[in-house]
Amino acid sequence: MNGNWLKVFLAAFFEVFWVIGLKHSETIWAWSGTVISIAISFYVLIMAGRKLPVGTVYAVFVGLGTAGTVIAEIAFFGEPFKMEKVLLVGLLLVGVVGLKLVTKDDEPEGAES
């Protein structure tokens, strides 16, 4: 996996924080963290999209962000655990991994130094 795909995963990681922040922020500090997470998430996503196919990057970003948000809501915010929801998130992740596996990078491995 090259650095551009790591950027997509990093962008999705920060997406989870800003999505949760949009729902749960109540203080200026929480809102500040949400805004910073949005900025980092989209900046890193744009950087990855310069070297990888944008459609695939966005699909992977949204899929990972959705899965992460659902898992975080269940783990930290008392969202009820439903097996159907977990199975569907698992199916979503299988699709995300499949997209990543069938997508060719614009530059060969090791070309980015």
N, C-alpha and C. Protein backbone atom coordinates (compact mmCIF):
# COMPACT_ATOMS: atom_id res chain seq x y z
N MET A 1 0.86 -1.17 0.00
CA MET A 1 0.00 0.00 0.00
C MET A 1 0.91 1.23 0.00
N ASN A 2 0.62 2.15 -0.90
CA ASN A 2 1.48 3.33 -0.95
C ASN A 2 0.93 4.47 -0.08
N GLY A 3 1.69 5.53 0.00
CA GLY A 3 1.34 6.65 0.87
C GLY A 3 0.04 7.33 0.50
N ASN A 4 -0.36 7.26 -0.76
CA ASN A 4 -1.61 7.91 -1.15
C ASN A 4 -2.82 7.20 -0.54
N TRP A 5 -2.77 5.88 -0.47
CA TRP A 5 -3.87 5.16 0.18
C TRP A 5 -3.86 5.40 1.68
N LEU A 6 -2.69 5.56 2.26
CA LEU A 6 -2.63 5.90 3.68
C LEU A 6 -3.28 7.26 3.93
N LYS A 7 -3.14 8.17 2.98
CA LYS A 7 -3.80 9.48 3.10
C LYS A 7 -5.31 9.32 3.10
N VAL A 8 -5.83 8.42 2.28
CA VAL A 8 -7.27 8.18 2.26
C VAL A 8 -7.74 7.65 3.61
N PHE A 9 -6.99 6.70 4.18
CA PHE A 9 -7.35 6.16 5.49
C PHE A 9 -7.26 7.23 6.58
N LEU A 10 -6.25 8.08 6.50
CA LEU A 10 -6.11 9.17 7.47
C LEU A 10 -7.28 10.16 7.33
N ALA A 11 -7.65 10.47 6.10
CA ALA A 11 -8.79 11.37 5.87
C ALA A 11 -10.07 10.77 6.45
N ALA A 12 -10.28 9.47 6.27
CA ALA A 12 -11.46 8.81 6.81
C ALA A 12 -11.43 8.80 8.34
N PHE A 13 -10.25 8.63 8.91
CA PHE A 13 -10.10 8.67 10.37
C PHE A 13 -10.58 10.02 10.91
N PHE A 14 -10.14 11.10 10.29
CA PHE A 14 -10.57 12.42 10.73
C PHE A 14 -12.04 12.69 10.40
N GLU A 15 -12.55 12.03 9.35
CA GLU A 15 -13.97 12.18 9.04
C GLU A 15 -14.84 11.68 10.19
N VAL A 16 -14.44 10.58 10.79
CA VAL A 16 -15.20 10.03 11.92
C VAL A 16 -15.29 11.08 13.02
N PHE A 17 -14.19 11.76 13.31
CA PHE A 17 -14.19 12.78 14.36
C PHE A 17 -15.10 13.95 14.03
N TRP A 18 -15.04 14.43 12.77
CA TRP A 18 -15.88 15.60 12.49
C TRP A 18 -17.36 15.24 12.38
N VAL A 19 -17.67 14.05 11.93
CA VAL A 19 -19.08 13.65 11.87
C VAL A 19 -19.65 13.53 13.29
N ILE A 20 -18.88 12.90 14.17
CA ILE A 20 -19.30 12.80 15.57
C ILE A 20 -19.38 14.19 16.19
N GLY A 21 -18.40 15.05 15.86
CA GLY A 21 -18.41 16.42 16.38
C GLY A 21 -19.62 17.21 15.96
N LEU A 22 -20.09 17.01 14.74
CA LEU A 22 -21.28 17.73 14.29
C LEU A 22 -22.50 17.38 15.13
N LYS A 23 -22.54 16.14 15.62
CA LYS A 23 -23.68 15.71 16.43
C LYS A 23 -23.53 16.05 17.91
N HIS A 24 -22.31 15.94 18.43
CA HIS A 24 -22.13 15.99 19.88
C HIS A 24 -21.43 17.24 20.41
N SER A 25 -20.97 18.13 19.57
CA SER A 25 -20.25 19.31 20.06
C SER A 25 -21.21 20.29 20.74
N GLU A 26 -20.77 20.75 21.91
CA GLU A 26 -21.58 21.72 22.66
C GLU A 26 -20.76 22.93 23.11
N THR A 27 -19.44 22.83 23.09
CA THR A 27 -18.59 23.93 23.54
C THR A 27 -17.80 24.48 22.37
N ILE A 28 -17.22 25.64 22.57
CA ILE A 28 -16.40 26.25 21.52
C ILE A 28 -15.19 25.37 21.20
N TRP A 29 -14.64 24.69 22.22
CA TRP A 29 -13.48 23.83 21.99
C TRP A 29 -13.86 22.60 21.18
N ALA A 30 -15.01 22.04 21.46
CA ALA A 30 -15.47 20.88 20.69
C ALA A 30 -15.75 21.28 19.25
N TRP A 31 -16.37 22.44 19.06
CA TRP A 31 -16.63 22.92 17.71
C TRP A 31 -15.34 23.25 16.98
N SER A 32 -14.35 23.78 17.70
CA SER A 32 -13.05 24.06 17.10
C SER A 32 -12.38 22.77 16.62
N GLY A 33 -12.45 21.74 17.45
CA GLY A 33 -11.90 20.44 17.06
C GLY A 33 -12.61 19.86 15.85
N THR A 34 -13.92 20.08 15.78
CA THR A 34 -14.69 19.60 14.64
C THR A 34 -14.25 20.30 13.36
N VAL A 35 -14.10 21.61 13.43
CA VAL A 35 -13.68 22.38 12.25
C VAL A 35 -12.27 21.98 11.82
N ILE A 36 -11.38 21.79 12.78
CA ILE A 36 -10.02 21.36 12.45
C ILE A 36 -10.02 19.97 11.82
N SER A 37 -10.87 19.09 12.34
CA SER A 37 -10.98 17.74 11.76
C SER A 37 -11.50 17.79 10.33
N ILE A 38 -12.45 18.68 10.06
CA ILE A 38 -12.96 18.85 8.69
C ILE A 38 -11.83 19.31 7.77
N ALA A 39 -11.08 20.30 8.21
CA ALA A 39 -10.00 20.84 7.39
C ALA A 39 -8.94 19.78 7.10
N ILE A 40 -8.52 19.05 8.13
CA ILE A 40 -7.50 18.01 7.93
C ILE A 40 -8.03 16.91 7.02
N SER A 41 -9.26 16.48 7.28
CA SER A 41 -9.85 15.40 6.51
C SER A 41 -9.89 15.73 5.02
N PHE A 42 -10.41 16.91 4.69
CA PHE A 42 -10.54 17.24 3.27
C PHE A 42 -9.21 17.60 2.62
N TYR A 43 -8.31 18.20 3.36
CA TYR A 43 -6.98 18.49 2.81
C TYR A 43 -6.27 17.20 2.42
N VAL A 44 -6.26 16.23 3.33
CA VAL A 44 -5.58 14.96 3.06
C VAL A 44 -6.30 14.20 1.95
N LEU A 45 -7.62 14.27 1.91
CA LEU A 45 -8.38 13.62 0.84
C LEU A 45 -8.04 14.22 -0.52
N ILE A 46 -7.95 15.53 -0.59
CA ILE A 46 -7.60 16.20 -1.85
C ILE A 46 -6.19 15.80 -2.29
N MET A 47 -5.26 15.72 -1.34
CA MET A 47 -3.89 15.32 -1.68
C MET A 47 -3.87 13.90 -2.26
N ALA A 48 -4.65 13.00 -1.69
CA ALA A 48 -4.71 11.63 -2.20
C ALA A 48 -5.37 11.59 -3.57
N GLY A 49 -6.38 12.43 -3.77
CA GLY A 49 -7.10 12.46 -5.04
C GLY A 49 -6.27 12.98 -6.20
N ARG A 50 -5.15 13.61 -5.91
CA ARG A 50 -4.27 14.08 -6.99
C ARG A 50 -3.52 12.93 -7.65
N LYS A 51 -3.34 11.83 -6.95
CA LYS A 51 -2.57 10.71 -7.48
C LYS A 51 -3.39 9.45 -7.73
N LEU A 52 -4.58 9.38 -7.14
CA LEU A 52 -5.43 8.21 -7.28
C LEU A 52 -6.73 8.60 -7.96
N PRO A 53 -7.46 7.65 -8.54
CA PRO A 53 -8.75 7.96 -9.16
C PRO A 53 -9.73 8.55 -8.15
N VAL A 54 -10.25 9.71 -8.46
CA VAL A 54 -11.07 10.46 -7.50
C VAL A 54 -12.33 9.70 -7.10
N GLY A 55 -12.99 9.05 -8.03
CA GLY A 55 -14.21 8.32 -7.70
C GLY A 55 -13.96 7.21 -6.70
N THR A 56 -12.90 6.47 -6.90
CA THR A 56 -12.56 5.39 -5.98
C THR A 56 -12.13 5.95 -4.64
N VAL A 57 -11.32 7.01 -4.66
CA VAL A 57 -10.88 7.64 -3.41
C VAL A 57 -12.08 8.09 -2.59
N TYR A 58 -13.03 8.73 -3.24
CA TYR A 58 -14.19 9.23 -2.50
C TYR A 58 -15.03 8.08 -1.97
N ALA A 59 -15.22 7.03 -2.77
CA ALA A 59 -16.01 5.88 -2.31
C ALA A 59 -15.35 5.21 -1.10
N VAL A 60 -14.04 5.05 -1.13
CA VAL A 60 -13.33 4.44 -0.01
C VAL A 60 -13.42 5.35 1.22
N PHE A 61 -13.22 6.65 1.02
CA PHE A 61 -13.30 7.64 2.09
C PHE A 61 -14.66 7.60 2.79
N VAL A 62 -15.72 7.64 2.01
CA VAL A 62 -17.07 7.64 2.57
C VAL A 62 -17.38 6.31 3.24
N GLY A 63 -16.98 5.21 2.62
CA GLY A 63 -17.23 3.89 3.20
C GLY A 63 -16.53 3.71 4.54
N LEU A 64 -15.26 4.06 4.59
CA LEU A 64 -14.52 3.92 5.85
C LEU A 64 -15.05 4.89 6.90
N GLY A 65 -15.38 6.10 6.49
CA GLY A 65 -15.93 7.07 7.43
C GLY A 65 -17.27 6.62 7.99
N THR A 66 -18.10 6.07 7.14
CA THR A 66 -19.40 5.57 7.59
C THR A 66 -19.22 4.41 8.57
N ALA A 67 -18.37 3.47 8.21
CA ALA A 67 -18.14 2.32 9.10
C ALA A 67 -17.56 2.78 10.43
N GLY A 68 -16.60 3.67 10.39
CA GLY A 68 -15.99 4.17 11.63
C GLY A 68 -16.98 4.92 12.50
N THR A 69 -17.84 5.71 11.87
CA THR A 69 -18.84 6.46 12.63
C THR A 69 -19.85 5.53 13.29
N VAL A 70 -20.31 4.53 12.57
CA VAL A 70 -21.26 3.57 13.14
C VAL A 70 -20.63 2.83 14.31
N ILE A 71 -19.40 2.38 14.13
CA ILE A 71 -18.71 1.65 15.20
C ILE A 71 -18.50 2.56 16.42
N ALA A 72 -18.08 3.80 16.19
CA ALA A 72 -17.86 4.73 17.30
C ALA A 72 -19.17 5.04 18.03
N GLU A 73 -20.25 5.21 17.30
CA GLU A 73 -21.54 5.48 17.93
C GLU A 73 -21.97 4.32 18.82
N ILE A 74 -21.73 3.10 18.37
CA ILE A 74 -22.08 1.93 19.18
C ILE A 74 -21.16 1.83 20.39
N ALA A 75 -19.85 2.02 20.17
CA ALA A 75 -18.87 1.82 21.23
C ALA A 75 -18.88 2.92 22.28
N PHE A 76 -19.09 4.17 21.88
CA PHE A 76 -18.89 5.28 22.80
C PHE A 76 -20.14 6.10 23.14
N PHE A 77 -21.19 5.99 22.34
CA PHE A 77 -22.33 6.88 22.54
C PHE A 77 -23.66 6.17 22.76
N GLY A 78 -23.61 4.88 23.05
CA GLY A 78 -24.83 4.17 23.44
C GLY A 78 -25.79 3.83 22.33
N GLU A 79 -25.36 3.90 21.09
CA GLU A 79 -26.21 3.47 19.97
C GLU A 79 -26.47 1.98 20.14
N PRO A 80 -27.71 1.53 19.99
CA PRO A 80 -27.99 0.10 20.18
C PRO A 80 -27.24 -0.77 19.17
N PHE A 81 -26.70 -1.87 19.67
CA PHE A 81 -26.01 -2.84 18.81
C PHE A 81 -27.05 -3.68 18.09
N LYS A 82 -27.00 -3.66 16.78
CA LYS A 82 -27.90 -4.48 15.96
C LYS A 82 -27.04 -5.29 15.01
N MET A 83 -27.22 -6.60 15.03
CA MET A 83 -26.43 -7.48 14.19
C MET A 83 -26.57 -7.12 12.71
N GLU A 84 -27.77 -6.74 12.28
CA GLU A 84 -27.98 -6.38 10.88
C GLU A 84 -27.09 -5.20 10.49
N LYS A 85 -27.02 -4.22 11.38
CA LYS A 85 -26.22 -3.03 11.11
C LYS A 85 -24.74 -3.40 11.00
N VAL A 86 -24.26 -4.23 11.91
CA VAL A 86 -22.85 -4.64 11.90
C VAL A 86 -22.54 -5.46 10.64
N LEU A 87 -23.44 -6.34 10.25
CA LEU A 87 -23.24 -7.12 9.03
C LEU A 87 -23.21 -6.23 7.79
N LEU A 88 -24.09 -5.25 7.75
CA LEU A 88 -24.10 -4.33 6.60
C LEU A 88 -22.85 -3.46 6.56
N VAL A 89 -22.36 -3.04 7.72
CA VAL A 89 -21.10 -2.29 7.75
C VAL A 89 -19.96 -3.20 7.29
N GLY A 90 -19.98 -4.46 7.69
CA GLY A 90 -18.98 -5.41 7.22
C GLY A 90 -19.03 -5.58 5.70
N LEU A 91 -20.23 -5.65 5.15
CA LEU A 91 -20.39 -5.74 3.70
C LEU A 91 -19.85 -4.49 3.02
N LEU A 92 -20.11 -3.34 3.61
CA LEU A 92 -19.59 -2.08 3.09
C LEU A 92 -18.06 -2.11 3.06
N LEU A 93 -17.46 -2.59 4.14
CA LEU A 93 -15.99 -2.66 4.21
C LEU A 93 -15.43 -3.64 3.19
N VAL A 94 -16.12 -4.73 2.93
CA VAL A 94 -15.68 -5.65 1.89
C VAL A 94 -15.67 -4.94 0.53
N GLY A 95 -16.68 -4.15 0.27
CA GLY A 95 -16.72 -3.38 -0.97
C GLY A 95 -15.60 -2.36 -1.05
N VAL A 96 -15.30 -1.71 0.06
CA VAL A 96 -14.22 -0.72 0.10
C VAL A 96 -12.88 -1.40 -0.18
N VAL A 97 -12.63 -2.52 0.47
CA VAL A 97 -11.38 -3.25 0.25
C VAL A 97 -11.31 -3.72 -1.21
N GLY A 98 -12.43 -4.19 -1.74
CA GLY A 98 -12.46 -4.61 -3.14
C GLY A 98 -12.13 -3.48 -4.09
N LEU A 99 -12.68 -2.30 -3.84
CA LEU A 99 -12.35 -1.14 -4.68
C LEU A 99 -10.87 -0.82 -4.62
N LYS A 100 -10.32 -0.88 -3.44
CA LYS A 100 -8.90 -0.58 -3.28
C LYS A 100 -8.05 -1.59 -4.03
N LEU A 101 -8.43 -2.85 -3.97
CA LEU A 101 -7.64 -3.90 -4.60
C LEU A 101 -7.68 -3.84 -6.13
N VAL A 102 -8.78 -3.41 -6.70
CA VAL A 102 -8.88 -3.39 -8.16
C VAL A 102 -8.48 -2.06 -8.78
N THR A 103 -8.14 -1.07 -7.96
CA THR A 103 -7.78 0.24 -8.48
C THR A 103 -6.27 0.34 -8.64
N LYS A 104 -5.86 0.72 -9.84
CA LYS A 104 -4.43 0.91 -10.11
C LYS A 104 -4.04 2.33 -9.74
N ASP A 105 -2.86 2.48 -9.16
CA ASP A 105 -2.32 3.79 -8.84
C ASP A 105 -1.78 4.44 -10.10
N ASP A 106 -1.74 5.77 -10.12
CA ASP A 106 -1.20 6.51 -11.25
C ASP A 106 0.31 6.37 -11.38
N GLU A 107 0.99 6.18 -10.26
CA GLU A 107 2.44 6.05 -10.31
C GLU A 107 2.85 4.72 -9.72
N PRO A 108 3.94 4.14 -10.22
CA PRO A 108 4.37 2.83 -9.71
C PRO A 108 4.86 2.93 -8.27
N GLU A 109 4.83 1.78 -7.58
CA GLU A 109 5.31 1.72 -6.20
C GLU A 109 6.73 2.24 -6.12
N GLY A 110 7.01 3.04 -5.10
CA GLY A 110 8.35 3.55 -4.89
C GLY A 110 8.69 4.78 -5.71
N ALA A 111 7.79 5.23 -6.58
CA ALA A 111 8.07 6.39 -7.41
C ALA A 111 8.00 7.68 -6.62
N GLU A 112 7.23 7.66 -5.53
CA GLU A 112 7.06 8.86 -4.71
C GLU A 112 8.15 8.91 -3.66
N SER A 113 9.08 9.82 -3.79
CA SER A 113 10.17 9.94 -2.82
C SER A 113 10.36 11.37 -2.40
